[in-house]
Structure formats: C-alpha cells, structure tokens
PDB file of N, CA and C in Angstrom:
ATOM      1  N   UNK A   1      -7.962 100.639 150.819  1.00  0.00           N
ATOM      2  CA  UNK A   1      -6.933 101.274 150.020  1.00  0.00           C
ATOM      3  C   UNK A   1      -7.405 101.367 148.585  1.00  0.00           C
ATOM      4  N   UNK A   2      -7.223 102.530 147.988  1.00  0.00           N
ATOM      5  CA  UNK A   2      -7.681 102.758 146.629  1.00  0.00           C
ATOM      6  C   UNK A   2      -6.755 102.175 145.579  1.00  0.00           C
ATOM      7  N   UNK A   3      -5.562 101.849 145.952  1.00  0.00           N
ATOM      8  CA  UNK A   3      -4.605 101.403 144.947  1.00  0.00           C
ATOM      9  C   UNK A   3      -3.891 102.597 144.348  1.00  0.00           C
ATOM     10  N   UNK A   4      -3.708 102.564 143.090  1.00  0.00           N
ATOM     11  CA  UNK A   4      -2.955 103.593 142.385  1.00  0.00           C
ATOM     12  C   UNK A   4      -3.717 104.912 142.330  1.00  0.00           C
ATOM     13  N   UNK A   5      -3.015 106.007 142.593  1.00  0.00           N
ATOM     14  CA  UNK A   5      -3.628 107.330 142.537  1.00  0.00           C
ATOM     15  C   UNK A   5      -3.779 107.774 141.093  1.00  0.00           C
ATOM     16  N   UNK A   6      -4.800 108.580 140.833  1.00  0.00           N
ATOM     17  CA  UNK A   6      -4.956 109.191 139.522  1.00  0.00           C
ATOM     18  C   UNK A   6      -3.803 110.162 139.293  1.00  0.00           C
ATOM     19  N   UNK A   7      -3.515 110.433 138.055  1.00  0.00           N
ATOM     20  CA  UNK A   7      -2.504 111.435 137.729  1.00  0.00           C
ATOM     21  C   UNK A   7      -3.035 112.814 138.127  1.00  0.00           C
ATOM     22  N   UNK A   8      -2.135 113.694 138.500  1.00  0.00           N
ATOM     23  CA  UNK A   8      -2.519 115.047 138.913  1.00  0.00           C
ATOM     24  C   UNK A   8      -3.402 115.711 137.869  1.00  0.00           C
ATOM     25  N   UNK A   9      -3.065 115.562 136.602  1.00  0.00           N
ATOM     26  CA  UNK A   9      -3.852 116.176 135.526  1.00  0.00           C
ATOM     27  C   UNK A   9      -5.272 115.619 135.490  1.00  0.00           C
ATOM     28  N   UNK A  10      -5.421 114.319 135.731  1.00  0.00           N
ATOM     29  CA  UNK A  10      -6.749 113.709 135.769  1.00  0.00           C
ATOM     30  C   UNK A  10      -7.564 114.272 136.923  1.00  0.00           C
ATOM     31  N   UNK A  11      -6.937 114.382 138.070  1.00  0.00           N
ATOM     32  CA  UNK A  11      -7.610 114.905 139.254  1.00  0.00           C
ATOM     33  C   UNK A  11      -8.094 116.325 138.988  1.00  0.00           C
ATOM     34  N   UNK A  12      -7.207 117.165 138.484  1.00  0.00           N
ATOM     35  CA  UNK A  12      -7.564 118.559 138.223  1.00  0.00           C
ATOM     36  C   UNK A  12      -8.673 118.666 137.177  1.00  0.00           C
ATOM     37  N   UNK A  13      -8.636 117.810 136.175  1.00  0.00           N
ATOM     38  CA  UNK A  13      -9.684 117.811 135.147  1.00  0.00           C
ATOM     39  C   UNK A  13     -11.031 117.425 135.742  1.00  0.00           C
ATOM     40  N   UNK A  14     -11.051 116.350 136.515  1.00  0.00           N
ATOM     41  CA  UNK A  14     -12.311 115.904 137.126  1.00  0.00           C
ATOM     42  C   UNK A  14     -12.879 116.987 138.038  1.00  0.00           C
ATOM     43  N   UNK A  15     -12.027 117.544 138.887  1.00  0.00           N
ATOM     44  CA  UNK A  15     -12.502 118.561 139.830  1.00  0.00           C
ATOM     45  C   UNK A  15     -12.985 119.818 139.105  1.00  0.00           C
ATOM     46  N   UNK A  16     -12.337 120.187 138.020  1.00  0.00           N
ATOM     47  CA  UNK A  16     -12.757 121.373 137.261  1.00  0.00           C
ATOM     48  C   UNK A  16     -14.034 121.119 136.471  1.00  0.00           C
ATOM     49  N   UNK A  17     -14.221 119.911 135.989  1.00  0.00           N
ATOM     50  CA  UNK A  17     -15.380 119.598 135.157  1.00  0.00           C
ATOM     51  C   UNK A  17     -16.641 119.281 135.953  1.00  0.00           C
ATOM     52  N   UNK A  18     -16.493 118.939 137.224  1.00  0.00           N
ATOM     53  CA  UNK A  18     -17.655 118.519 138.012  1.00  0.00           C
ATOM     54  C   UNK A  18     -18.736 119.594 138.122  1.00  0.00           C
ATOM     55  N   UNK A  19     -18.437 120.823 138.566  1.00  0.00           N
ATOM     56  CA  UNK A  19     -19.520 121.811 138.695  1.00  0.00           C
ATOM     57  C   UNK A  19     -20.266 122.105 137.389  1.00  0.00           C
ATOM     58  N   UNK A  20     -19.574 122.366 136.258  1.00  0.00           N
ATOM     59  CA  UNK A  20     -20.343 122.615 135.040  1.00  0.00           C
ATOM     60  C   UNK A  20     -21.118 121.393 134.561  1.00  0.00           C
ATOM     61  N   UNK A  21     -20.600 120.204 134.830  1.00  0.00           N
ATOM     62  CA  UNK A  21     -21.318 118.981 134.451  1.00  0.00           C
ATOM     63  C   UNK A  21     -22.612 118.859 135.256  1.00  0.00           C
ATOM     64  N   UNK A  22     -22.559 119.142 136.539  1.00  0.00           N
ATOM     65  CA  UNK A  22     -23.760 119.083 137.374  1.00  0.00           C
ATOM     66  C   UNK A  22     -24.764 120.136 136.919  1.00  0.00           C
ATOM     67  N   UNK A  23     -24.299 121.332 136.608  1.00  0.00           N
ATOM     68  CA  UNK A  23     -25.188 122.388 136.108  1.00  0.00           C
ATOM     69  C   UNK A  23     -25.873 121.928 134.831  1.00  0.00           C
ATOM     70  N   UNK A  24     -25.107 121.367 133.901  1.00  0.00           N
ATOM     71  CA  UNK A  24     -25.680 120.907 132.633  1.00  0.00           C
ATOM     72  C   UNK A  24     -26.707 119.795 132.852  1.00  0.00           C
ATOM     73  N   UNK A  25     -26.411 118.894 133.762  1.00  0.00           N
ATOM     74  CA  UNK A  25     -27.331 117.785 134.029  1.00  0.00           C
ATOM     75  C   UNK A  25     -28.638 118.245 134.659  1.00  0.00           C
ATOM     76  N   UNK A  26     -28.566 119.234 135.526  1.00  0.00           N
ATOM     77  CA  UNK A  26     -29.745 119.611 136.323  1.00  0.00           C
ATOM     78  C   UNK A  26     -30.472 120.863 135.829  1.00  0.00           C
ATOM     79  N   UNK A  27     -29.949 121.529 134.833  1.00  0.00           N
ATOM     80  CA  UNK A  27     -30.504 122.819 134.391  1.00  0.00           C
ATOM     81  C   UNK A  27     -31.974 122.735 133.983  1.00  0.00           C
ATOM     82  N   UNK A  28     -32.385 121.630 133.408  1.00  0.00           N
ATOM     83  CA  UNK A  28     -33.758 121.535 132.912  1.00  0.00           C
ATOM     84  C   UNK A  28     -34.755 121.034 133.959  1.00  0.00           C
ATOM     85  N   UNK A  29     -34.280 120.722 135.152  1.00  0.00           N
ATOM     86  CA  UNK A  29     -35.189 120.217 136.184  1.00  0.00           C
ATOM     87  C   UNK A  29     -35.794 121.350 136.995  1.00  0.00           C
ATOM     88  N   UNK A  30     -37.047 121.181 137.339  1.00  0.00           N
ATOM     89  CA  UNK A  30     -37.721 122.129 138.231  1.00  0.00           C
ATOM     90  C   UNK A  30     -37.228 121.898 139.659  1.00  0.00           C
ATOM     91  N   UNK A  31     -37.335 122.919 140.516  1.00  0.00           N
ATOM     92  CA  UNK A  31     -36.895 122.745 141.899  1.00  0.00           C
ATOM     93  C   UNK A  31     -37.500 121.508 142.578  1.00  0.00           C
ATOM     94  N   UNK A  32     -38.758 121.243 142.328  1.00  0.00           N
ATOM     95  CA  UNK A  32     -39.395 120.071 142.946  1.00  0.00           C
ATOM     96  C   UNK A  32     -38.732 118.779 142.495  1.00  0.00           C
ATOM     97  N   UNK A  33     -38.310 118.724 141.240  1.00  0.00           N
ATOM     98  CA  UNK A  33     -37.635 117.529 140.742  1.00  0.00           C
ATOM     99  C   UNK A  33     -36.249 117.364 141.390  1.00  0.00           C
ATOM    100  N   UNK A  34     -35.577 118.486 141.604  1.00  0.00           N
ATOM    101  CA  UNK A  34     -34.257 118.425 142.233  1.00  0.00           C
ATOM    102  C   UNK A  34     -34.338 117.897 143.660  1.00  0.00           C
ATOM    103  N   UNK A  35     -35.464 118.157 144.314  1.00  0.00           N
ATOM    104  CA  UNK A  35     -35.635 117.750 145.708  1.00  0.00           C
ATOM    105  C   UNK A  35     -36.374 116.419 145.867  1.00  0.00           C
ATOM    106  N   UNK A  36     -36.757 115.809 144.761  1.00  0.00           N
ATOM    107  CA  UNK A  36     -37.481 114.538 144.814  1.00  0.00           C
ATOM    108  C   UNK A  36     -36.553 113.380 144.530  1.00  0.00           C
ATOM    109  N   UNK A  37     -36.643 112.358 145.361  1.00  0.00           N
ATOM    110  CA  UNK A  37     -35.869 111.140 145.128  1.00  0.00           C
ATOM    111  C   UNK A  37     -36.589 110.306 144.078  1.00  0.00           C
ATOM    112  N   UNK A  38     -35.849 109.678 143.180  1.00  0.00           N
ATOM    113  CA  UNK A  38     -36.504 108.888 142.141  1.00  0.00           C
ATOM    114  C   UNK A  38     -37.226 107.660 142.687  1.00  0.00           C
ATOM    115  N   UNK A  39     -36.757 107.126 143.799  1.00  0.00           N
ATOM    116  CA  UNK A  39     -37.366 105.955 144.424  1.00  0.00           C
ATOM    117  C   UNK A  39     -37.229 106.071 145.937  1.00  0.00           C
ATOM    118  N   UNK A  40     -38.091 105.369 146.678  1.00  0.00           N
ATOM    119  CA  UNK A  40     -37.943 105.383 148.133  1.00  0.00           C
ATOM    120  C   UNK A  40     -36.550 104.918 148.543  1.00  0.00           C
ATOM    121  N   UNK A  41     -36.030 105.486 149.601  1.00  0.00           N
ATOM    122  CA  UNK A  41     -34.708 105.146 150.144  1.00  0.00           C
ATOM    123  C   UNK A  41     -33.551 105.503 149.211  1.00  0.00           C
ATOM    124  N   UNK A  42     -33.788 106.395 148.263  1.00  0.00           N
ATOM    125  CA  UNK A  42     -32.719 106.897 147.408  1.00  0.00           C
ATOM    126  C   UNK A  42     -32.582 108.393 147.634  1.00  0.00           C
ATOM    127  N   UNK A  43     -31.450 108.936 147.261  1.00  0.00           N
ATOM    128  CA  UNK A  43     -31.202 110.362 147.396  1.00  0.00           C
ATOM    129  C   UNK A  43     -31.771 111.135 146.221  1.00  0.00           C
ATOM    130  N   UNK A  44     -32.159 112.355 146.478  1.00  0.00           N
ATOM    131  CA  UNK A  44     -32.510 113.282 145.403  1.00  0.00           C
ATOM    132  C   UNK A  44     -31.220 113.908 144.878  1.00  0.00           C
ATOM    133  N   UNK A  45     -31.323 114.610 143.758  1.00  0.00           N
ATOM    134  CA  UNK A  45     -30.153 115.332 143.241  1.00  0.00           C
ATOM    135  C   UNK A  45     -29.679 116.343 144.278  1.00  0.00           C
ATOM    136  N   UNK A  46     -30.606 116.980 144.949  1.00  0.00           N
ATOM    137  CA  UNK A  46     -30.262 117.951 145.992  1.00  0.00           C
ATOM    138  C   UNK A  46     -29.512 117.284 147.150  1.00  0.00           C
ATOM    139  N   UNK A  47     -29.924 116.085 147.522  1.00  0.00           N
ATOM    140  CA  UNK A  47     -29.231 115.334 148.576  1.00  0.00           C
ATOM    141  C   UNK A  47     -27.784 115.026 148.170  1.00  0.00           C
ATOM    142  N   UNK A  48     -27.594 114.621 146.926  1.00  0.00           N
ATOM    143  CA  UNK A  48     -26.247 114.311 146.438  1.00  0.00           C
ATOM    144  C   UNK A  48     -25.391 115.571 146.465  1.00  0.00           C
ATOM    145  N   UNK A  49     -25.961 116.694 146.024  1.00  0.00           N
ATOM    146  CA  UNK A  49     -25.212 117.954 146.030  1.00  0.00           C
ATOM    147  C   UNK A  49     -24.809 118.356 147.446  1.00  0.00           C
ATOM    148  N   UNK A  50     -25.710 118.184 148.406  1.00  0.00           N
ATOM    149  CA  UNK A  50     -25.394 118.509 149.800  1.00  0.00           C
ATOM    150  C   UNK A  50     -24.279 117.604 150.312  1.00  0.00           C
ATOM    151  N   UNK A  51     -24.327 116.342 149.952  1.00  0.00           N
ATOM    152  CA  UNK A  51     -23.292 115.392 150.354  1.00  0.00           C
ATOM    153  C   UNK A  51     -21.937 115.793 149.761  1.00  0.00           C
ATOM    154  N   UNK A  52     -21.922 116.129 148.473  1.00  0.00           N
ATOM    155  CA  UNK A  52     -20.670 116.546 147.840  1.00  0.00           C
ATOM    156  C   UNK A  52     -20.108 117.787 148.502  1.00  0.00           C
ATOM    157  N   UNK A  53     -20.979 118.722 148.844  1.00  0.00           N
ATOM    158  CA  UNK A  53     -20.523 119.952 149.510  1.00  0.00           C
ATOM    159  C   UNK A  53     -19.887 119.631 150.859  1.00  0.00           C
ATOM    160  N   UNK A  54     -20.519 118.760 151.622  1.00  0.00           N
ATOM    161  CA  UNK A  54     -19.976 118.398 152.939  1.00  0.00           C
ATOM    162  C   UNK A  54     -18.626 117.696 152.791  1.00  0.00           C
ATOM    163  N   UNK A  55     -18.509 116.801 151.830  1.00  0.00           N
ATOM    164  CA  UNK A  55     -17.237 116.105 151.607  1.00  0.00           C
ATOM    165  C   UNK A  55     -16.155 117.075 151.160  1.00  0.00           C
ATOM    166  N   UNK A  56     -16.518 118.017 150.288  1.00  0.00           N
ATOM    167  CA  UNK A  56     -15.548 119.024 149.860  1.00  0.00           C
ATOM    168  C   UNK A  56     -15.066 119.856 151.036  1.00  0.00           C
ATOM    169  N   UNK A  57     -15.962 120.180 151.950  1.00  0.00           N
ATOM    170  CA  UNK A  57     -15.566 120.950 153.132  1.00  0.00           C
ATOM    171  C   UNK A  57     -14.557 120.180 153.983  1.00  0.00           C
ATOM    172  N   UNK A  58     -14.832 118.909 154.226  1.00  0.00           N
ATOM    173  CA  UNK A  58     -13.961 118.104 155.086  1.00  0.00           C
ATOM    174  C   UNK A  58     -12.631 117.824 154.398  1.00  0.00           C
ATOM    175  N   UNK A  59     -12.686 117.283 153.190  1.00  0.00           N
ATOM    176  CA  UNK A  59     -11.438 116.920 152.510  1.00  0.00           C
ATOM    177  C   UNK A  59     -10.644 118.156 152.119  1.00  0.00           C
ATOM    178  N   UNK A  60     -11.330 119.209 151.713  1.00  0.00           N
ATOM    179  CA  UNK A  60     -10.637 120.449 151.381  1.00  0.00           C
ATOM    180  C   UNK A  60      -9.919 121.011 152.599  1.00  0.00           C
ATOM    181  N   UNK A  61     -10.559 120.932 153.761  1.00  0.00           N
ATOM    182  CA  UNK A  61      -9.920 121.393 154.996  1.00  0.00           C
ATOM    183  C   UNK A  61      -8.677 120.567 155.304  1.00  0.00           C
ATOM    184  N   UNK A  62      -8.754 119.258 155.096  1.00  0.00           N
ATOM    185  CA  UNK A  62      -7.578 118.406 155.310  1.00  0.00           C
ATOM    186  C   UNK A  62      -6.425 118.839 154.407  1.00  0.00           C
ATOM    187  N   UNK A  63      -6.730 119.171 153.161  1.00  0.00           N
ATOM    188  CA  UNK A  63      -5.683 119.616 152.243  1.00  0.00           C
ATOM    189  C   UNK A  63      -5.081 120.945 152.697  1.00  0.00           C
ATOM    190  N   UNK A  64      -5.917 121.843 153.188  1.00  0.00           N
ATOM    191  CA  UNK A  64      -5.414 123.125 153.684  1.00  0.00           C
ATOM    192  C   UNK A  64      -4.510 122.937 154.899  1.00  0.00           C
ATOM    193  N   UNK A  65      -4.871 122.012 155.773  1.00  0.00           N
ATOM    194  CA  UNK A  65      -4.039 121.722 156.945  1.00  0.00           C
ATOM    195  C   UNK A  65      -2.678 121.192 156.507  1.00  0.00           C
ATOM    196  N   UNK A  66      -2.675 120.293 155.553  1.00  0.00           N
ATOM    197  CA  UNK A  66      -1.414 119.731 155.057  1.00  0.00           C
ATOM    198  C   UNK A  66      -0.518 120.837 154.519  1.00  0.00           C
ATOM    199  N   UNK A  67      -1.093 121.749 153.766  1.00  0.00           N
ATOM    200  CA  UNK A  67      -0.319 122.837 153.170  1.00  0.00           C
ATOM    201  C   UNK A  67       0.191 123.805 154.236  1.00  0.00           C
ATOM    202  N   UNK A  68      -0.621 124.078 155.244  1.00  0.00           N
ATOM    203  CA  UNK A  68      -0.303 125.115 156.220  1.00  0.00           C
ATOM    204  C   UNK A  68       0.586 124.661 157.382  1.00  0.00           C
ATOM    205  N   UNK A  69       0.534 123.411 157.737  1.00  0.00           N
ATOM    206  CA  UNK A  69       1.213 122.939 158.943  1.00  0.00           C
ATOM    207  C   UNK A  69       2.675 122.581 158.710  1.00  0.00           C
ATOM    208  N   UNK A  70       3.487 122.814 159.737  1.00  0.00           N
ATOM    209  CA  UNK A  70       4.872 122.360 159.709  1.00  0.00           C
ATOM    210  C   UNK A  70       4.942 120.837 159.821  1.00  0.00           C
ATOM    211  N   UNK A  71       3.991 120.270 160.543  1.00  0.00           N
ATOM    212  CA  UNK A  71       3.915 118.814 160.720  1.00  0.00           C
ATOM    213  C   UNK A  71       2.563 118.359 160.180  1.00  0.00           C
ATOM    214  N   UNK A  72       2.458 118.210 158.867  1.00  0.00           N
ATOM    215  CA  UNK A  72       1.149 117.921 158.266  1.00  0.00           C
ATOM    216  C   UNK A  72       0.636 116.524 158.587  1.00  0.00           C
ATOM    217  N   UNK A  73      -0.588 116.305 158.192  1.00  0.00           N
ATOM    218  CA  UNK A  73      -1.209 114.993 158.352  1.00  0.00           C
ATOM    219  C   UNK A  73      -0.409 113.949 157.595  1.00  0.00           C
ATOM    220  N   UNK A  74      -0.621 112.700 157.954  1.00  0.00           N
ATOM    221  CA  UNK A  74       0.123 111.607 157.324  1.00  0.00           C
ATOM    222  C   UNK A  74      -0.215 111.465 155.833  1.00  0.00           C
ATOM    223  N   UNK A  75      -1.400 111.805 155.454  1.00  0.00           N
ATOM    224  CA  UNK A  75      -1.805 111.713 154.049  1.00  0.00           C
ATOM    225  C   UNK A  75      -1.321 112.942 153.292  1.00  0.00           C
ATOM    226  N   UNK A  76      -1.217 112.812 151.982  1.00  0.00           N
ATOM    227  CA  UNK A  76      -0.764 113.930 151.159  1.00  0.00           C
ATOM    228  C   UNK A  76      -1.947 114.659 150.540  1.00  0.00           C
ATOM    229  N   UNK A  77      -1.703 115.838 150.032  1.00  0.00           N
ATOM    230  CA  UNK A  77      -2.736 116.579 149.305  1.00  0.00           C
ATOM    231  C   UNK A  77      -3.185 115.755 148.101  1.00  0.00           C
ATOM    232  N   UNK A  78      -2.239 115.131 147.425  1.00  0.00           N
ATOM    233  CA  UNK A  78      -2.588 114.297 146.269  1.00  0.00           C
ATOM    234  C   UNK A  78      -3.530 113.170 146.675  1.00  0.00           C
ATOM    235  N   UNK A  79      -3.293 112.566 147.826  1.00  0.00           N
ATOM    236  CA  UNK A  79      -4.166 111.493 148.317  1.00  0.00           C
ATOM    237  C   UNK A  79      -5.598 111.998 148.489  1.00  0.00           C
ATOM    238  N   UNK A  80      -5.753 113.146 149.154  1.00  0.00           N
ATOM    239  CA  UNK A  80      -7.098 113.683 149.376  1.00  0.00           C
ATOM    240  C   UNK A  80      -7.732 114.175 148.084  1.00  0.00           C
ATOM    241  N   UNK A  81      -6.950 114.787 147.218  1.00  0.00           N
ATOM    242  CA  UNK A  81      -7.482 115.255 145.935  1.00  0.00           C
ATOM    243  C   UNK A  81      -7.929 114.074 145.081  1.00  0.00           C
ATOM    244  N   UNK A  82      -7.172 113.008 145.091  1.00  0.00           N
ATOM    245  CA  UNK A  82      -7.541 111.796 144.367  1.00  0.00           C
ATOM    246  C   UNK A  82      -8.870 111.249 144.898  1.00  0.00           C
ATOM    247  N   UNK A  83      -8.973 111.158 146.198  1.00  0.00           N
ATOM    248  CA  UNK A  83     -10.222 110.667 146.796  1.00  0.00           C
ATOM    249  C   UNK A  83     -11.399 111.551 146.462  1.00  0.00           C
ATOM    250  N   UNK A  84     -11.183 112.852 146.506  1.00  0.00           N
ATOM    251  CA  UNK A  84     -12.245 113.798 146.189  1.00  0.00           C
ATOM    252  C   UNK A  84     -12.672 113.675 144.733  1.00  0.00           C
ATOM    253  N   UNK A  85     -11.721 113.572 143.825  1.00  0.00           N
ATOM    254  CA  UNK A  85     -12.040 113.450 142.403  1.00  0.00           C
ATOM    255  C   UNK A  85     -12.805 112.158 142.116  1.00  0.00           C
ATOM    256  N   UNK A  86     -12.343 111.060 142.675  1.00  0.00           N
ATOM    257  CA  UNK A  86     -13.034 109.776 142.464  1.00  0.00           C
ATOM    258  C   UNK A  86     -14.450 109.825 143.053  1.00  0.00           C
ATOM    259  N   UNK A  87     -14.562 110.411 144.208  1.00  0.00           N
ATOM    260  CA  UNK A  87     -15.850 110.537 144.881  1.00  0.00           C
ATOM    261  C   UNK A  87     -16.815 111.378 144.059  1.00  0.00           C
ATOM    262  N   UNK A  88     -16.334 112.520 143.565  1.00  0.00           N
ATOM    263  CA  UNK A  88     -17.187 113.388 142.749  1.00  0.00           C
ATOM    264  C   UNK A  88     -17.602 112.686 141.467  1.00  0.00           C
ATOM    265  N   UNK A  89     -16.674 111.982 140.844  1.00  0.00           N
ATOM    266  CA  UNK A  89     -16.992 111.280 139.592  1.00  0.00           C
ATOM    267  C   UNK A  89     -18.126 110.277 139.815  1.00  0.00           C
ATOM    268  N   UNK A  90     -18.067 109.550 140.919  1.00  0.00           N
ATOM    269  CA  UNK A  90     -19.117 108.577 141.243  1.00  0.00           C
ATOM    270  C   UNK A  90     -20.463 109.261 141.435  1.00  0.00           C
ATOM    271  N   UNK A  91     -20.470 110.373 142.156  1.00  0.00           N
ATOM    272  CA  UNK A  91     -21.735 111.046 142.436  1.00  0.00           C
ATOM    273  C   UNK A  91     -22.280 111.811 141.240  1.00  0.00           C
ATOM    274  N   UNK A  92     -21.445 112.254 140.332  1.00  0.00           N
ATOM    275  CA  UNK A  92     -21.953 112.873 139.099  1.00  0.00           C
ATOM    276  C   UNK A  92     -22.710 111.820 138.296  1.00  0.00           C
ATOM    277  N   UNK A  93     -22.200 110.600 138.247  1.00  0.00           N
ATOM    278  CA  UNK A  93     -22.919 109.506 137.578  1.00  0.00           C
ATOM    279  C   UNK A  93     -24.249 109.245 138.282  1.00  0.00           C
ATOM    280  N   UNK A  94     -24.255 109.340 139.602  1.00  0.00           N
ATOM    281  CA  UNK A  94     -25.490 109.159 140.365  1.00  0.00           C
ATOM    282  C   UNK A  94     -26.488 110.259 140.022  1.00  0.00           C
ATOM    283  N   UNK A  95     -26.038 111.492 139.950  1.00  0.00           N
ATOM    284  CA  UNK A  95     -26.920 112.608 139.589  1.00  0.00           C
ATOM    285  C   UNK A  95     -27.471 112.398 138.181  1.00  0.00           C
ATOM    286  N   UNK A  96     -26.641 111.927 137.273  1.00  0.00           N
ATOM    287  CA  UNK A  96     -27.093 111.674 135.906  1.00  0.00           C
ATOM    288  C   UNK A  96     -28.217 110.641 135.889  1.00  0.00           C
ATOM    289  N   UNK A  97     -28.068 109.577 136.685  1.00  0.00           N
ATOM    290  CA  UNK A  97     -29.135 108.563 136.765  1.00  0.00           C
ATOM    291  C   UNK A  97     -30.406 109.157 137.356  1.00  0.00           C
ATOM    292  N   UNK A  98     -30.260 109.967 138.395  1.00  0.00           N
ATOM    293  CA  UNK A  98     -31.426 110.604 139.020  1.00  0.00           C
ATOM    294  C   UNK A  98     -32.133 111.506 138.018  1.00  0.00           C
ATOM    295  N   UNK A  99     -31.368 112.338 137.331  1.00  0.00           N
ATOM    296  CA  UNK A  99     -31.945 113.274 136.356  1.00  0.00           C
ATOM    297  C   UNK A  99     -32.664 112.510 135.253  1.00  0.00           C
ATOM    298  N   UNK A 100     -32.051 111.455 134.741  1.00  0.00           N
ATOM    299  CA  UNK A 100     -32.693 110.660 133.682  1.00  0.00           C
ATOM    300  C   UNK A 100     -33.999 110.048 134.175  1.00  0.00           C
ATOM    301  N   UNK A 101     -34.036 109.601 135.414  1.00  0.00           N
ATOM    302  CA  UNK A 101     -35.254 109.037 135.994  1.00  0.00           C
ATOM    303  C   UNK A 101     -36.319 110.117 136.143  1.00  0.00           C
ATOM    304  N   UNK A 102     -35.924 111.307 136.597  1.00  0.00           N
ATOM    305  CA  UNK A 102     -36.890 112.376 136.822  1.00  0.00           C
ATOM    306  C   UNK A 102     -37.471 112.907 135.513  1.00  0.00           C
ATOM    307  N   UNK A 103     -36.758 112.784 134.426  1.00  0.00           N
ATOM    308  CA  UNK A 103     -37.243 113.265 133.126  1.00  0.00           C
ATOM    309  C   UNK A 103     -38.274 112.322 132.509  1.00  0.00           C
ATOM    310  N   UNK A 104     -38.345 111.094 133.000  1.00  0.00           N
ATOM    311  CA  UNK A 104     -39.292 110.116 132.435  1.00  0.00           C
ATOM    312  C   UNK A 104     -40.702 110.396 132.871  1.00  0.00           C
TER     313      UNK A 104
END
C-alpha cells in the first residue's frame, strides 16, 4: 500500500513534466549512449524508456476501463494515476543517474 495519494494537481504536473524532462536529460546523448547500460546488470536509458512505455500502456488501459465500464475495476483512476506518476518520477531520477554516468 502506498499510503496517501498525491494531490490531483501533483499527479497531473508530474505526468505532464515527465516527457520534456526525459527529452532534456537525453538530448545530448548519442544513440549508442542511450542503448548502453552504465554498469553490468543495470538498465540503459533506452531500457528505462521501454519500461515506462509498457507501464503506461497497462496502467493507462486500466484507467480507460474504469472510465468506460458500468462496473469498473475496484481501483480508481486517481489510484492508477498516482501510481503512474510516482513510478515515472522514480524512473526519471534513474535516467538522470544513467545520463550523468554516460557523460563521464
């Protein structure tokens, strides 16, 4: 259990800021750097992006089902949006660490 949910405004801010933040972090890296892991058994920036995309597909679909169904899932859209925002925030920090390592 995550405990207290983020405020709707926080969630929307995080979700809106994530794509431009990732672009800003990775813009100066060459394709080879994006696909290289900084250390063995770690993800590359490209791996993190693929993971975020897959999570967005799954959680986004859950939110669409909740909105569309007469008998929605037990969780709320806010619950899934909160999880998605927290998840993205964590992985943006991970991408930042990867990018900083690759620039060295």
